[in-house]
């Protein structure tokens, strides 16, 4: 069973059933597929949702499991007893450790480890930063997205700010929109980069692969400034400063100039590097949100935080440093 499906089934095991439907297929629907007939009988639900219920055996045709493409001929009894989809349910609080760098009445700043999803989504309905935040501070349940105002990719580590009040959330969102939040990342990119630079390529959805982003003319404006912190034999440690916060921005921008991030197989970065005749394996994008600066939403005092790279990136740079010539 694929992992996303397993997560969903585990989640559904603990939720209440929705209102069931007991239906009879009208004679005029003879010859239709079951999903087509159900869409006519239950127009409030999308075809994809109905197909999902059928596949999960939450639809019984004359007392038996069916398939979406199965034909109906009229007179069959259909019982639909669906379970609520996780996206329609309140998110659960979960006791997940948090590395909290700063916290007061209005906000908190978290150092997110690599591998932790920020917000529940398909395949990751549990075990996210949002679930952890709800356990840490129960009143975040009254704040949209539990106070999360910006995100980091699952495999990106580092600093992330969370609002603890609606007023603070509004203020922080406005700061992000005004581009006054200061975000700096450390990244290891393929290739020896000669000097600092700025990438201004717009970022939008990839025209062919919808799960990816790309530097495309029709995208939203995006600006990334980068400077070289250290050069290795065939890679470079960079400091990247964001003016904008588009999805996968640094990853896409570095790929667009021919220097994808080490470990970022989605955007052309190799997970294996040759160092001193040996092979180093790094299986996530080498990207860490190292510095965060903003204006405190209540005091209006300028604040800033900084965290070191996680252990895996420190080990990576140490190995690369040993192979530099």
Protein backbone atom coordinates (compact mmCIF):
# COMPACT_ATOMS: atom_id res chain seq x y z
CA UNK A 1 0.00 0.00 0.00
CA UNK A 2 1.35 3.44 -0.88
CA UNK A 3 2.29 5.55 2.12
CA UNK A 4 -0.24 8.40 1.53
CA UNK A 5 -3.08 5.88 1.41
CA UNK A 6 -1.85 4.19 4.58
CA UNK A 7 -1.73 7.53 6.43
CA UNK A 8 -5.25 8.35 5.34
CA UNK A 9 -6.62 4.97 6.40
CA UNK A 10 -4.92 5.24 9.79
CA UNK A 11 -6.44 8.67 10.27
CA UNK A 12 -9.89 7.55 9.16
CA UNK A 13 -9.87 4.73 11.72
CA UNK A 14 -10.40 7.33 14.44
CA UNK A 15 -13.01 9.64 12.91
CA UNK A 16 -16.77 9.63 12.92
CA UNK A 17 -18.77 8.49 9.93
CA UNK A 18 -20.62 11.07 7.87
CA UNK A 19 -24.36 10.91 7.31
CA UNK A 20 -24.99 7.71 5.27
CA UNK A 21 -27.08 7.63 2.09
CA UNK A 22 -29.44 4.77 1.16
CA UNK A 23 -30.27 5.10 -2.55
CA UNK A 24 -31.84 3.20 -5.42
CA UNK A 25 -30.50 3.55 -8.96
CA UNK A 26 -33.29 4.96 -11.18
CA UNK A 27 -34.13 2.98 -14.34
CA UNK A 28 -33.14 5.93 -16.56
CA UNK A 29 -29.53 5.62 -15.32
CA UNK A 30 -29.20 2.17 -16.90
CA UNK A 31 -25.86 1.75 -18.64
CA UNK A 32 -24.04 4.42 -16.64
CA UNK A 33 -20.93 3.75 -14.61
CA UNK A 34 -21.50 3.64 -10.86
CA UNK A 35 -19.52 6.85 -10.27
CA UNK A 36 -21.52 8.64 -12.97
CA UNK A 37 -24.82 7.52 -11.45
CA UNK A 38 -23.73 8.58 -7.98
CA UNK A 39 -22.69 11.99 -9.26
CA UNK A 40 -26.24 12.49 -10.51
CA UNK A 41 -27.74 11.25 -7.24
CA UNK A 42 -25.30 13.16 -5.01
CA UNK A 43 -24.43 16.34 -6.97
CA UNK A 44 -22.98 18.04 -3.88
CA UNK A 45 -19.92 15.74 -4.08
CA UNK A 46 -17.27 15.73 -6.78
CA UNK A 47 -16.69 12.74 -9.04
CA UNK A 48 -13.20 12.26 -7.57
CA UNK A 49 -14.61 12.21 -4.02
CA UNK A 50 -17.24 9.64 -4.97
CA UNK A 51 -14.63 7.49 -6.73
CA UNK A 52 -12.48 7.65 -3.61
CA UNK A 53 -15.38 6.43 -1.47
CA UNK A 54 -16.04 3.56 -3.88
CA UNK A 55 -12.39 2.47 -3.90
CA UNK A 56 -12.28 2.54 -0.10
CA UNK A 57 -15.36 0.28 -0.02
CA UNK A 58 -17.46 2.99 1.60
CA UNK A 59 -20.04 2.36 -1.14
CA UNK A 60 -21.93 -0.94 -1.32
CA UNK A 61 -23.87 -1.96 -4.44
CA UNK A 62 -26.55 -4.51 -3.53
CA UNK A 63 -24.55 -5.27 -0.41
CA UNK A 64 -21.23 -5.81 -2.18
CA UNK A 65 -18.11 -3.78 -2.84
CA UNK A 66 -17.97 -2.23 -6.31
CA UNK A 67 -15.66 -0.34 -8.64
CA UNK A 68 -16.15 3.19 -10.03
CA UNK A 69 -16.41 1.86 -13.60
CA UNK A 70 -18.93 -0.86 -12.76
CA UNK A 71 -22.12 -0.50 -14.81
CA UNK A 72 -25.54 -0.10 -13.22
CA UNK A 73 -28.85 -1.07 -14.83
CA UNK A 74 -31.49 0.45 -12.57
CA UNK A 75 -33.10 -0.86 -9.41
CA UNK A 76 -29.85 -1.59 -7.56
CA UNK A 77 -29.64 -0.49 -3.93
CA UNK A 78 -26.63 1.68 -3.15
CA UNK A 79 -25.55 2.39 0.43
CA UNK A 80 -22.99 5.17 0.77
CA UNK A 81 -21.41 5.34 4.23
CA UNK A 82 -18.42 7.66 3.84
CA UNK A 83 -15.85 8.69 6.40
CA UNK A 84 -14.91 12.33 6.71
CA UNK A 85 -11.83 13.35 4.74
CA UNK A 86 -8.98 14.57 7.00
CA UNK A 87 -9.02 17.98 5.28
CA UNK A 88 -12.57 18.48 6.60
CA UNK A 89 -11.74 17.71 10.23
CA UNK A 90 -10.16 19.74 13.02
CA UNK A 91 -6.45 19.09 13.24
CA UNK A 92 -5.33 17.04 16.23
CA UNK A 93 -2.82 18.13 18.85
CA UNK A 94 0.16 15.78 18.98
CA UNK A 95 3.03 15.60 21.44
CA UNK A 96 5.93 16.21 19.07
CA UNK A 97 9.15 17.82 20.38
CA UNK A 98 9.72 21.42 19.34
CA UNK A 99 13.00 23.33 19.34
CA UNK A 100 11.66 26.73 20.42
CA UNK A 101 14.21 29.51 20.03
CA UNK A 102 11.99 32.32 21.33
CA UNK A 103 8.48 32.67 22.74
CA UNK A 104 6.35 35.37 24.29
CA UNK A 105 2.65 36.26 24.47
CA UNK A 106 2.45 37.21 20.77
CA UNK A 107 4.75 34.91 18.83
CA UNK A 108 7.17 32.03 18.91
CA UNK A 109 10.13 31.13 16.74
CA UNK A 110 10.87 27.47 16.02
CA UNK A 111 13.99 25.78 14.68
CA UNK A 112 12.40 23.15 12.40
CA UNK A 113 14.35 19.93 11.84
CA UNK A 114 14.66 18.43 8.35
CA UNK A 115 11.97 15.87 7.60
CA UNK A 116 9.18 17.61 9.50
CA UNK A 117 6.18 18.71 7.40
CA UNK A 118 4.93 22.17 8.39
CA UNK A 119 1.21 21.89 7.55
CA UNK A 120 -1.06 18.83 7.11
CA UNK A 121 -1.70 17.88 3.49
CA UNK A 122 -2.26 14.81 1.36
CA UNK A 123 -0.08 12.00 2.63
CA UNK A 124 0.84 13.91 5.80
CA UNK A 125 -2.33 14.38 7.86
CA UNK A 126 -0.50 13.70 11.12
CA UNK A 127 2.90 14.34 12.65
CA UNK A 128 3.32 17.88 11.33
CA UNK A 129 4.61 21.08 12.89
CA UNK A 130 1.01 22.33 13.08
CA UNK A 131 -0.01 19.28 15.14
CA UNK A 132 2.94 19.91 17.45
CA UNK A 133 2.04 23.59 17.85
CA UNK A 134 -1.53 22.73 18.87
CA UNK A 135 -0.17 20.50 21.63
CA UNK A 136 2.32 23.11 22.79
CA UNK A 137 -0.22 25.96 22.89
CA UNK A 138 -3.89 24.96 22.77
CA UNK A 139 -5.15 28.48 22.02
CA UNK A 140 -3.47 28.28 18.61
CA UNK A 141 -6.54 26.23 17.59
CA UNK A 142 -8.37 29.58 17.37
CA UNK A 143 -5.80 31.04 14.95
CA UNK A 144 -5.94 30.18 11.22
CA UNK A 145 -3.28 27.56 10.36
CA UNK A 146 -2.38 27.51 14.08
CA UNK A 147 -0.56 30.82 13.60
CA UNK A 148 1.76 29.65 10.83
CA UNK A 149 2.47 32.61 8.53
CA UNK A 150 5.18 31.16 6.29
CA UNK A 151 6.48 27.68 5.57
CA UNK A 152 9.63 25.69 4.96
CA UNK A 153 9.78 22.63 2.72
CA UNK A 154 9.68 19.29 4.51
CA UNK A 155 13.40 18.65 4.01
CA UNK A 156 14.50 22.25 4.68
CA UNK A 157 15.59 22.98 8.23
CA UNK A 158 15.71 26.19 10.22
CA UNK A 159 13.83 29.17 11.58
CA UNK A 160 10.11 29.73 11.23
CA UNK A 161 7.91 32.27 13.05
CA UNK A 162 4.43 31.48 14.39
CA UNK A 163 1.85 34.06 15.54
CA UNK A 164 0.01 33.40 18.81
CA UNK A 165 -2.74 35.99 18.31
CA UNK A 166 -4.83 37.08 15.34
CA UNK A 167 -3.42 40.60 15.61
CA UNK A 168 0.14 39.29 15.53
CA UNK A 169 -0.65 37.05 12.59
CA UNK A 170 -2.11 39.94 10.60
CA UNK A 171 0.92 42.09 11.37
CA UNK A 172 3.42 39.39 10.40
CA UNK A 173 1.58 38.64 7.15
CA UNK A 174 1.73 42.34 6.28
CA UNK A 175 5.47 42.39 7.00
CA UNK A 176 5.93 39.44 4.66
CA UNK A 177 3.89 41.16 1.97
CA UNK A 178 5.94 44.34 2.43
CA UNK A 179 9.14 42.26 2.14
CA UNK A 180 10.48 43.59 5.45
CA UNK A 181 10.94 40.17 7.05
CA UNK A 182 14.63 39.28 6.72
CA UNK A 183 15.26 35.63 5.82
CA UNK A 184 18.72 34.24 5.16
CA UNK A 185 19.54 30.66 4.26
CA UNK A 186 22.68 28.55 4.05
CA UNK A 187 22.82 26.24 1.06
CA UNK A 188 25.35 23.90 -0.52
CA UNK A 189 25.17 24.11 -4.31
CA UNK A 190 26.85 22.08 -7.01
CA UNK A 191 29.70 23.82 -8.78
CA UNK A 192 32.37 26.31 -7.75
CA UNK A 193 30.62 29.70 -7.86
CA UNK A 194 32.99 32.55 -8.59
CA UNK A 195 31.20 35.53 -7.06
CA UNK A 196 28.02 36.84 -5.50
CA UNK A 197 24.94 37.48 -7.58
CA UNK A 198 21.18 38.02 -7.74
CA UNK A 199 18.55 35.88 -9.47
CA UNK A 200 15.39 37.73 -10.49
CA UNK A 201 13.60 35.02 -12.49
CA UNK A 202 9.81 34.77 -11.88
CA UNK A 203 8.74 31.51 -10.22
CA UNK A 204 5.56 29.62 -11.06
CA UNK A 205 4.11 26.16 -11.49
CA UNK A 206 6.09 23.94 -13.87
CA UNK A 207 4.24 23.78 -17.22
CA UNK A 208 4.49 19.97 -17.41
CA UNK A 209 5.12 18.66 -13.90
CA UNK A 210 2.48 20.17 -11.63
CA UNK A 211 4.17 19.11 -8.40
CA UNK A 212 7.24 21.18 -9.29
CA UNK A 213 7.95 24.87 -9.63
CA UNK A 214 10.05 26.48 -12.34
CA UNK A 215 11.53 29.77 -13.49
CA UNK A 216 8.83 30.77 -15.99
CA UNK A 217 7.86 34.09 -17.53
CA UNK A 218 4.27 33.72 -16.33
CA UNK A 219 5.35 33.18 -12.72
CA UNK A 220 5.30 35.59 -9.79
CA UNK A 221 8.22 37.98 -9.30
CA UNK A 222 10.98 36.40 -7.23
CA UNK A 223 14.34 37.76 -6.09
CA UNK A 224 17.17 35.81 -4.44
CA UNK A 225 20.54 37.34 -3.52
CA UNK A 226 23.43 34.95 -2.91
CA UNK A 227 27.01 35.29 -1.69
CA UNK A 228 29.74 32.67 -1.47
CA UNK A 229 30.65 31.69 2.10
CA UNK A 230 33.11 28.93 1.18
CA UNK A 231 34.25 27.13 -1.96
CA UNK A 232 34.98 23.40 -2.13
CA UNK A 233 36.44 21.24 -4.89
CA UNK A 234 33.17 20.93 -6.85
CA UNK A 235 30.58 22.75 -4.75
CA UNK A 236 29.99 25.95 -2.82
CA UNK A 237 28.49 26.95 0.52
CA UNK A 238 26.19 29.92 -0.09
CA UNK A 239 24.32 32.47 1.94
CA UNK A 240 21.00 33.21 0.21
CA UNK A 241 18.83 36.18 1.12
CA UNK A 242 15.21 36.27 0.03
CA UNK A 243 13.33 39.38 -1.03
CA UNK A 244 10.29 37.28 -1.93
CA UNK A 245 9.04 33.96 -0.59
CA UNK A 246 7.85 31.86 -3.52
CA UNK A 247 7.44 28.10 -3.20
CA UNK A 248 10.84 26.35 -3.67
CA UNK A 249 12.33 29.74 -4.61
CA UNK A 250 15.99 29.14 -3.72
CA UNK A 251 15.90 25.62 -5.13
CA UNK A 252 14.42 26.80 -8.43
CA UNK A 253 16.65 29.88 -8.73
CA UNK A 254 19.87 27.96 -8.12
CA UNK A 255 18.84 25.35 -10.67
CA UNK A 256 18.06 28.12 -13.17
CA UNK A 257 21.66 29.38 -13.07
CA UNK A 258 23.16 25.90 -13.33
CA UNK A 259 23.95 25.35 -9.64
CA UNK A 260 21.23 23.10 -8.15
CA UNK A 261 21.44 22.35 -4.45
CA UNK A 262 23.28 19.26 -3.33
CA UNK A 263 20.79 16.48 -2.58
CA UNK A 264 17.91 18.18 -4.38
CA UNK A 265 16.99 15.44 -6.84
CA UNK A 266 13.70 17.21 -7.69
CA UNK A 267 15.60 20.14 -9.19
CA UNK A 268 18.62 18.41 -10.69
CA UNK A 269 20.89 18.18 -7.67
CA UNK A 270 22.82 14.92 -7.24
CA UNK A 271 22.53 13.09 -3.92
CA UNK A 272 25.98 11.53 -4.38
CA UNK A 273 29.22 13.52 -4.52
CA UNK A 274 32.74 12.33 -5.23
CA UNK A 275 35.19 13.52 -2.57
CA UNK A 276 38.83 12.37 -2.40
CA UNK A 277 38.05 9.27 -4.41
CA UNK A 278 35.13 8.33 -2.18
CA UNK A 279 31.40 8.95 -2.34
CA UNK A 280 29.36 11.19 -0.05
CA UNK A 281 25.58 10.69 0.01
CA UNK A 282 23.24 13.51 1.04
CA UNK A 283 19.57 12.66 0.51
CA UNK A 284 17.81 15.99 1.07
CA UNK A 285 18.27 19.46 -0.34
CA UNK A 286 21.17 21.07 1.52
CA UNK A 287 19.18 24.11 2.62
CA UNK A 288 18.85 25.67 6.07
CA UNK A 289 16.97 28.80 7.19
CA UNK A 290 19.76 30.21 9.36
CA UNK A 291 18.63 33.77 10.12
CA UNK A 292 15.27 35.44 10.66
CA UNK A 293 14.58 39.09 11.40
CA UNK A 294 11.32 40.98 11.84
CA UNK A 295 9.57 43.77 13.70
CA UNK A 296 7.83 42.51 16.83
CA UNK A 297 4.08 42.88 16.20
CA UNK A 298 3.37 44.33 19.66
CA UNK A 299 6.48 46.25 20.77
CA UNK A 300 7.57 47.24 17.24
CA UNK A 301 11.14 46.44 18.29
CA UNK A 302 13.42 44.95 15.63
CA UNK A 303 14.27 41.36 16.53
CA UNK A 304 16.51 38.74 14.94
CA UNK A 305 17.48 35.12 15.55
CA UNK A 306 20.19 32.84 14.21
CA UNK A 307 20.72 29.06 14.42
CA UNK A 308 23.55 26.82 13.27
CA UNK A 309 23.17 24.30 10.50
CA UNK A 310 21.84 20.93 11.62
CA UNK A 311 24.25 18.08 12.18
CA UNK A 312 23.83 16.52 8.73
CA UNK A 313 24.79 19.75 6.93
CA UNK A 314 27.69 20.36 9.32
CA UNK A 315 29.00 16.89 8.52
CA UNK A 316 28.51 17.47 4.80
CA UNK A 317 30.48 20.72 4.77
CA UNK A 318 33.21 19.16 6.93
CA UNK A 319 33.65 16.33 4.42
CA UNK A 320 33.59 18.73 1.48
CA UNK A 321 36.09 20.96 3.23
CA UNK A 322 38.43 18.02 3.66
CA UNK A 323 38.23 17.34 -0.07
CA UNK A 324 38.83 20.94 -1.15
CA UNK A 325 42.04 21.77 -2.98
